[in-house]
Amino acid sequence: MVHKPSAEAARELTWFKSSYSDSSSGNDCVEVATAPGVVHIRDSKSVPGPLLGFTPATWAAFLTYASER
């Protein structure tokens, strides 16, 4: 993990859901927000809950790995 943003900073991020999200369960998804030097990840069912933060390189490596599975 990179760092934990304050609750206010987390609210100011622009969050988006994967285009692969099941629209019938609109809140059952992982959301992503980018900021300089970090990619934030959260559970859309628990918006005020914990966030994960990854470097862009680590996130890109994960996406490559996940897309091959």
PDB file of N, CA and C in Angstrom:
ATOM      1  N   MET A   1       0.833  -1.173   0.000  1.00  0.00           N
ATOM      2  CA  MET A   1       0.000   0.000   0.000  1.00  0.00           C
ATOM      3  C   MET A   1       0.878   1.237   0.000  1.00  0.00           C
ATOM      4  N   VAL A   2       0.351   2.303  -0.545  1.00  0.00           N
ATOM      5  CA  VAL A   2       1.108   3.527  -0.650  1.00  0.00           C
ATOM      6  C   VAL A   2       0.876   4.426   0.556  1.00  0.00           C
ATOM      7  N   HIS A   3      -0.348   4.863   0.759  1.00  0.00           N
ATOM      8  CA  HIS A   3      -0.679   5.713   1.893  1.00  0.00           C
ATOM      9  C   HIS A   3      -2.186   5.728   2.108  1.00  0.00           C
ATOM     10  N   LYS A   4      -2.601   6.264   3.247  1.00  0.00           N
ATOM     11  CA  LYS A   4      -4.029   6.356   3.558  1.00  0.00           C
ATOM     12  C   LYS A   4      -4.450   7.812   3.473  1.00  0.00           C
ATOM     13  N   PRO A   5      -5.273   8.158   2.471  1.00  0.00           N
ATOM     14  CA  PRO A   5      -5.728   9.541   2.377  1.00  0.00           C
ATOM     15  C   PRO A   5      -6.734   9.842   3.481  1.00  0.00           C
ATOM     16  N   SER A   6      -6.863  11.108   3.805  1.00  0.00           N
ATOM     17  CA  SER A   6      -7.871  11.492   4.792  1.00  0.00           C
ATOM     18  C   SER A   6      -9.251  11.219   4.217  1.00  0.00           C
ATOM     19  N   ALA A   7     -10.255  11.172   5.084  1.00  0.00           N
ATOM     20  CA  ALA A   7     -11.628  10.923   4.626  1.00  0.00           C
ATOM     21  C   ALA A   7     -12.060  11.999   3.643  1.00  0.00           C
ATOM     22  N   GLU A   8     -11.684  13.233   3.900  1.00  0.00           N
ATOM     23  CA  GLU A   8     -12.062  14.328   2.997  1.00  0.00           C
ATOM     24  C   GLU A   8     -11.373  14.176   1.645  1.00  0.00           C
ATOM     25  N   ALA A   9     -10.098  13.832   1.642  1.00  0.00           N
ATOM     26  CA  ALA A   9      -9.372  13.641   0.384  1.00  0.00           C
ATOM     27  C   ALA A   9      -9.977  12.492  -0.411  1.00  0.00           C
ATOM     28  N   ALA A  10     -10.384  11.419   0.266  1.00  0.00           N
ATOM     29  CA  ALA A  10     -10.993  10.280  -0.416  1.00  0.00           C
ATOM     30  C   ALA A  10     -12.310  10.666  -1.072  1.00  0.00           C
ATOM     31  N   ARG A  11     -13.077  11.552  -0.437  1.00  0.00           N
ATOM     32  CA  ARG A  11     -14.352  11.995  -1.019  1.00  0.00           C
ATOM     33  C   ARG A  11     -14.121  12.834  -2.272  1.00  0.00           C
ATOM     34  N   GLU A  12     -12.989  13.535  -2.341  1.00  0.00           N
ATOM     35  CA  GLU A  12     -12.706  14.408  -3.472  1.00  0.00           C
ATOM     36  C   GLU A  12     -12.181  13.664  -4.690  1.00  0.00           C
ATOM     37  N   LEU A  13     -11.827  12.402  -4.532  1.00  0.00           N
ATOM     38  CA  LEU A  13     -11.353  11.611  -5.666  1.00  0.00           C
ATOM     39  C   LEU A  13     -12.508  11.320  -6.617  1.00  0.00           C
ATOM     40  N   THR A  14     -12.206  11.143  -7.882  1.00  0.00           N
ATOM     41  CA  THR A  14     -13.210  10.759  -8.871  1.00  0.00           C
ATOM     42  C   THR A  14     -13.154   9.243  -9.023  1.00  0.00           C
ATOM     43  N   TRP A  15     -14.201   8.582  -8.526  1.00  0.00           N
ATOM     44  CA  TRP A  15     -14.254   7.117  -8.510  1.00  0.00           C
ATOM     45  C   TRP A  15     -14.988   6.610  -9.730  1.00  0.00           C
ATOM     46  N   PHE A  16     -14.549   5.474 -10.256  1.00  0.00           N
ATOM     47  CA  PHE A  16     -15.270   4.832 -11.355  1.00  0.00           C
ATOM     48  C   PHE A  16     -15.260   3.321 -11.161  1.00  0.00           C
ATOM     49  N   LYS A  17     -16.258   2.690 -11.787  1.00  0.00           N
ATOM     50  CA  LYS A  17     -16.399   1.236 -11.709  1.00  0.00           C
ATOM     51  C   LYS A  17     -15.957   0.612 -13.021  1.00  0.00           C
ATOM     52  N   SER A  18     -15.581  -0.626 -12.954  1.00  0.00           N
ATOM     53  CA  SER A  18     -15.172  -1.359 -14.138  1.00  0.00           C
ATOM     54  C   SER A  18     -16.323  -1.472 -15.121  1.00  0.00           C
ATOM     55  N   SER A  19     -15.986  -1.446 -16.399  1.00  0.00           N
ATOM     56  CA  SER A  19     -17.014  -1.666 -17.420  1.00  0.00           C
ATOM     57  C   SER A  19     -17.511  -3.108 -17.391  1.00  0.00           C
ATOM     58  N   TYR A  20     -16.823  -3.974 -16.668  1.00  0.00           N
ATOM     59  CA  TYR A  20     -17.230  -5.372 -16.523  1.00  0.00           C
ATOM     60  C   TYR A  20     -18.176  -5.574 -15.338  1.00  0.00           C
ATOM     61  N   SER A  21     -18.514  -4.506 -14.629  1.00  0.00           N
ATOM     62  CA  SER A  21     -19.410  -4.626 -13.480  1.00  0.00           C
ATOM     63  C   SER A  21     -20.779  -5.100 -13.932  1.00  0.00           C
ATOM     64  N   ASP A  22     -21.399  -5.898 -13.115  1.00  0.00           N
ATOM     65  CA  ASP A  22     -22.750  -6.395 -13.385  1.00  0.00           C
ATOM     66  C   ASP A  22     -23.736  -5.286 -13.045  1.00  0.00           C
ATOM     67  N   SER A  23     -24.399  -4.732 -14.032  1.00  0.00           N
ATOM     68  CA  SER A  23     -25.301  -3.608 -13.804  1.00  0.00           C
ATOM     69  C   SER A  23     -26.532  -3.997 -12.991  1.00  0.00           C
ATOM     70  N   SER A  24     -26.848  -5.287 -12.885  1.00  0.00           N
ATOM     71  CA  SER A  24     -27.999  -5.703 -12.092  1.00  0.00           C
ATOM     72  C   SER A  24     -27.718  -5.582 -10.593  1.00  0.00           C
ATOM     73  N   SER A  25     -26.445  -5.554 -10.228  1.00  0.00           N
ATOM     74  CA  SER A  25     -26.041  -5.372  -8.833  1.00  0.00           C
ATOM     75  C   SER A  25     -25.128  -4.155  -8.775  1.00  0.00           C
ATOM     76  N   GLY A  26     -25.694  -2.991  -9.005  1.00  0.00           N
ATOM     77  CA  GLY A  26     -24.938  -1.768  -9.178  1.00  0.00           C
ATOM     78  C   GLY A  26     -23.897  -1.444  -8.127  1.00  0.00           C
ATOM     79  N   ASN A  27     -24.090  -1.926  -6.902  1.00  0.00           N
ATOM     80  CA  ASN A  27     -23.130  -1.596  -5.853  1.00  0.00           C
ATOM     81  C   ASN A  27     -22.153  -2.720  -5.549  1.00  0.00           C
ATOM     82  N   ASP A  28     -22.248  -3.839  -6.237  1.00  0.00           N
ATOM     83  CA  ASP A  28     -21.345  -4.969  -5.982  1.00  0.00           C
ATOM     84  C   ASP A  28     -20.137  -4.867  -6.887  1.00  0.00           C
ATOM     85  N   CYS A  29     -19.242  -3.980  -6.544  1.00  0.00           N
ATOM     86  CA  CYS A  29     -18.140  -3.717  -7.445  1.00  0.00           C
ATOM     87  C   CYS A  29     -16.951  -3.135  -6.701  1.00  0.00           C
ATOM     88  N   VAL A  30     -15.816  -3.222  -7.333  1.00  0.00           N
ATOM     89  CA  VAL A  30     -14.626  -2.525  -6.881  1.00  0.00           C
ATOM     90  C   VAL A  30     -14.588  -1.207  -7.643  1.00  0.00           C
ATOM     91  N   GLU A  31     -14.271  -0.128  -6.951  1.00  0.00           N
ATOM     92  CA  GLU A  31     -14.149   1.176  -7.591  1.00  0.00           C
ATOM     93  C   GLU A  31     -12.690   1.613  -7.547  1.00  0.00           C
ATOM     94  N   VAL A  32     -12.301   2.400  -8.543  1.00  0.00           N
ATOM     95  CA  VAL A  32     -10.927   2.860  -8.685  1.00  0.00           C
ATOM     96  C   VAL A  32     -10.925   4.380  -8.830  1.00  0.00           C
ATOM     97  N   ALA A  33      -9.939   5.017  -8.242  1.00  0.00           N
ATOM     98  CA  ALA A  33      -9.710   6.450  -8.419  1.00  0.00           C
ATOM     99  C   ALA A  33      -8.206   6.665  -8.520  1.00  0.00           C
ATOM    100  N   THR A  34      -7.806   7.523  -9.428  1.00  0.00           N
ATOM    101  CA  THR A  34      -6.377   7.784  -9.587  1.00  0.00           C
ATOM    102  C   THR A  34      -6.034   9.171  -9.057  1.00  0.00           C
ATOM    103  N   ALA A  35      -4.833   9.286  -8.556  1.00  0.00           N
ATOM    104  CA  ALA A  35      -4.263  10.544  -8.094  1.00  0.00           C
ATOM    105  C   ALA A  35      -2.789  10.493  -8.463  1.00  0.00           C
ATOM    106  N   PRO A  36      -2.092  11.604  -8.433  1.00  0.00           N
ATOM    107  CA  PRO A  36      -0.670  11.564  -8.787  1.00  0.00           C
ATOM    108  C   PRO A  36       0.098  10.536  -7.945  1.00  0.00           C
ATOM    109  N   GLY A  37       0.656   9.546  -8.609  1.00  0.00           N
ATOM    110  CA  GLY A  37       1.503   8.565  -7.948  1.00  0.00           C
ATOM    111  C   GLY A  37       0.804   7.448  -7.219  1.00  0.00           C
ATOM    112  N   VAL A  38      -0.537   7.396  -7.273  1.00  0.00           N
ATOM    113  CA  VAL A  38      -1.251   6.337  -6.552  1.00  0.00           C
ATOM    114  C   VAL A  38      -2.578   6.009  -7.240  1.00  0.00           C
ATOM    115  N   VAL A  39      -2.922   4.723  -7.217  1.00  0.00           N
ATOM    116  CA  VAL A  39      -4.219   4.246  -7.692  1.00  0.00           C
ATOM    117  C   VAL A  39      -4.949   3.734  -6.458  1.00  0.00           C
ATOM    118  N   HIS A  40      -6.098   4.332  -6.154  1.00  0.00           N
ATOM    119  CA  HIS A  40      -6.887   3.953  -4.982  1.00  0.00           C
ATOM    120  C   HIS A  40      -7.952   2.950  -5.387  1.00  0.00           C
ATOM    121  N   ILE A  41      -8.215   1.988  -4.512  1.00  0.00           N
ATOM    122  CA  ILE A  41      -9.216   0.947  -4.738  1.00  0.00           C
ATOM    123  C   ILE A  41     -10.125   0.890  -3.512  1.00  0.00           C
ATOM    124  N   ARG A  42     -11.449   0.763  -3.731  1.00  0.00           N
ATOM    125  CA  ARG A  42     -12.383   0.605  -2.613  1.00  0.00           C
ATOM    126  C   ARG A  42     -13.524  -0.314  -3.023  1.00  0.00           C
ATOM    127  N   ASP A  43     -14.222  -0.817  -2.024  1.00  0.00           N
ATOM    128  CA  ASP A  43     -15.405  -1.649  -2.215  1.00  0.00           C
ATOM    129  C   ASP A  43     -16.609  -0.717  -2.300  1.00  0.00           C
ATOM    130  N   SER A  44     -17.359  -0.774  -3.385  1.00  0.00           N
ATOM    131  CA  SER A  44     -18.490   0.132  -3.562  1.00  0.00           C
ATOM    132  C   SER A  44     -19.601  -0.099  -2.541  1.00  0.00           C
ATOM    133  N   LYS A  45     -19.615  -1.266  -1.894  1.00  0.00           N
ATOM    134  CA  LYS A  45     -20.623  -1.537  -0.860  1.00  0.00           C
ATOM    135  C   LYS A  45     -20.240  -0.888   0.463  1.00  0.00           C
ATOM    136  N   SER A  46     -18.996  -0.434   0.579  1.00  0.00           N
ATOM    137  CA  SER A  46     -18.514   0.159   1.818  1.00  0.00           C
ATOM    138  C   SER A  46     -17.712   1.415   1.499  1.00  0.00           C
ATOM    139  N   VAL A  47     -18.378   2.403   0.924  1.00  0.00           N
ATOM    140  CA  VAL A  47     -17.714   3.628   0.480  1.00  0.00           C
ATOM    141  C   VAL A  47     -16.906   4.300   1.596  1.00  0.00           C
ATOM    142  N   PRO A  48     -17.425   4.420   2.808  1.00  0.00           N
ATOM    143  CA  PRO A  48     -16.607   5.057   3.844  1.00  0.00           C
ATOM    144  C   PRO A  48     -15.552   4.127   4.442  1.00  0.00           C
ATOM    145  N   GLY A  49     -15.533   2.893   3.995  1.00  0.00           N
ATOM    146  CA  GLY A  49     -14.608   1.895   4.540  1.00  0.00           C
ATOM    147  C   GLY A  49     -13.175   2.103   4.079  1.00  0.00           C
ATOM    148  N   PRO A  50     -12.354   1.096   4.276  1.00  0.00           N
ATOM    149  CA  PRO A  50     -10.931   1.212   3.964  1.00  0.00           C
ATOM    150  C   PRO A  50     -10.657   1.309   2.464  1.00  0.00           C
ATOM    151  N   LEU A  51      -9.537   1.932   2.154  1.00  0.00           N
ATOM    152  CA  LEU A  51      -9.050   2.042   0.778  1.00  0.00           C
ATOM    153  C   LEU A  51      -7.713   1.334   0.675  1.00  0.00           C
ATOM    154  N   LEU A  52      -7.452   0.818  -0.491  1.00  0.00           N
ATOM    155  CA  LEU A  52      -6.114   0.311  -0.792  1.00  0.00           C
ATOM    156  C   LEU A  52      -5.475   1.296  -1.756  1.00  0.00           C
ATOM    157  N   GLY A  53      -4.193   1.471  -1.647  1.00  0.00           N
ATOM    158  CA  GLY A  53      -3.477   2.349  -2.556  1.00  0.00           C
ATOM    159  C   GLY A  53      -2.276   1.628  -3.139  1.00  0.00           C
ATOM    160  N   PHE A  54      -2.103   1.724  -4.444  1.00  0.00           N
ATOM    161  CA  PHE A  54      -1.010   1.051  -5.140  1.00  0.00           C
ATOM    162  C   PHE A  54      -0.284   2.049  -6.036  1.00  0.00           C
ATOM    163  N   THR A  55       0.995   1.793  -6.272  1.00  0.00           N
ATOM    164  CA  THR A  55       1.699   2.596  -7.260  1.00  0.00           C
ATOM    165  C   THR A  55       1.115   2.269  -8.624  1.00  0.00           C
ATOM    166  N   PRO A  56       1.183   3.195  -9.572  1.00  0.00           N
ATOM    167  CA  PRO A  56       0.667   2.892 -10.910  1.00  0.00           C
ATOM    168  C   PRO A  56       1.327   1.655 -11.531  1.00  0.00           C
ATOM    169  N   ALA A  57       2.610   1.442 -11.293  1.00  0.00           N
ATOM    170  CA  ALA A  57       3.291   0.273 -11.855  1.00  0.00           C
ATOM    171  C   ALA A  57       2.744  -1.026 -11.265  1.00  0.00           C
ATOM    172  N   THR A  58       2.503  -1.022  -9.964  1.00  0.00           N
ATOM    173  CA  THR A  58       1.954  -2.220  -9.317  1.00  0.00           C
ATOM    174  C   THR A  58       0.549  -2.495  -9.819  1.00  0.00           C
ATOM    175  N   TRP A  59      -0.268  -1.466  -9.961  1.00  0.00           N
ATOM    176  CA  TRP A  59      -1.636  -1.632 -10.463  1.00  0.00           C
ATOM    177  C   TRP A  59      -1.615  -2.151 -11.899  1.00  0.00           C
ATOM    178  N   ALA A  60      -0.743  -1.613 -12.731  1.00  0.00           N
ATOM    179  CA  ALA A  60      -0.645  -2.066 -14.117  1.00  0.00           C
ATOM    180  C   ALA A  60      -0.227  -3.535 -14.174  1.00  0.00           C
ATOM    181  N   ALA A  61       0.700  -3.936 -13.308  1.00  0.00           N
ATOM    182  CA  ALA A  61       1.118  -5.337 -13.270  1.00  0.00           C
ATOM    183  C   ALA A  61      -0.035  -6.239 -12.844  1.00  0.00           C
ATOM    184  N   PHE A  62      -0.833  -5.784 -11.875  1.00  0.00           N
ATOM    185  CA  PHE A  62      -2.000  -6.566 -11.457  1.00  0.00           C
ATOM    186  C   PHE A  62      -3.003  -6.709 -12.599  1.00  0.00           C
ATOM    187  N   LEU A  63      -3.292  -5.617 -13.298  1.00  0.00           N
ATOM    188  CA  LEU A  63      -4.243  -5.681 -14.409  1.00  0.00           C
ATOM    189  C   LEU A  63      -3.777  -6.635 -15.489  1.00  0.00           C
ATOM    190  N   THR A  64      -2.495  -6.605 -15.794  1.00  0.00           N
ATOM    191  CA  THR A  64      -1.953  -7.541 -16.781  1.00  0.00           C
ATOM    192  C   THR A  64      -2.148  -8.975 -16.307  1.00  0.00           C
ATOM    193  N   TYR A  65      -1.801  -9.233 -15.057  1.00  0.00           N
ATOM    194  CA  TYR A  65      -1.963 -10.568 -14.481  1.00  0.00           C
ATOM    195  C   TYR A  65      -3.428 -11.003 -14.529  1.00  0.00           C
ATOM    196  N   ALA A  66      -4.335 -10.135 -14.071  1.00  0.00           N
ATOM    197  CA  ALA A  66      -5.754 -10.478 -13.990  1.00  0.00           C
ATOM    198  C   ALA A  66      -6.349 -10.713 -15.377  1.00  0.00           C
ATOM    199  N   SER A  67      -5.904  -9.962 -16.356  1.00  0.00           N
ATOM    200  CA  SER A  67      -6.478 -10.103 -17.707  1.00  0.00           C
ATOM    201  C   SER A  67      -6.053 -11.418 -18.371  1.00  0.00           C
ATOM    202  N   GLU A  68      -4.998 -12.011 -17.865  1.00  0.00           N
ATOM    203  CA  GLU A  68      -4.524 -13.274 -18.421  1.00  0.00           C
ATOM    204  C   GLU A  68      -5.176 -14.486 -17.768  1.00  0.00           C
ATOM    205  N   ARG A  69      -6.011 -14.276 -16.765  1.00  0.00           N
ATOM    206  CA  ARG A  69      -6.634 -15.370 -16.022  1.00  0.00           C
ATOM    207  C   ARG A  69      -8.020 -15.647 -16.525  1.00  0.00           C
TER     208      ARG A  69
END
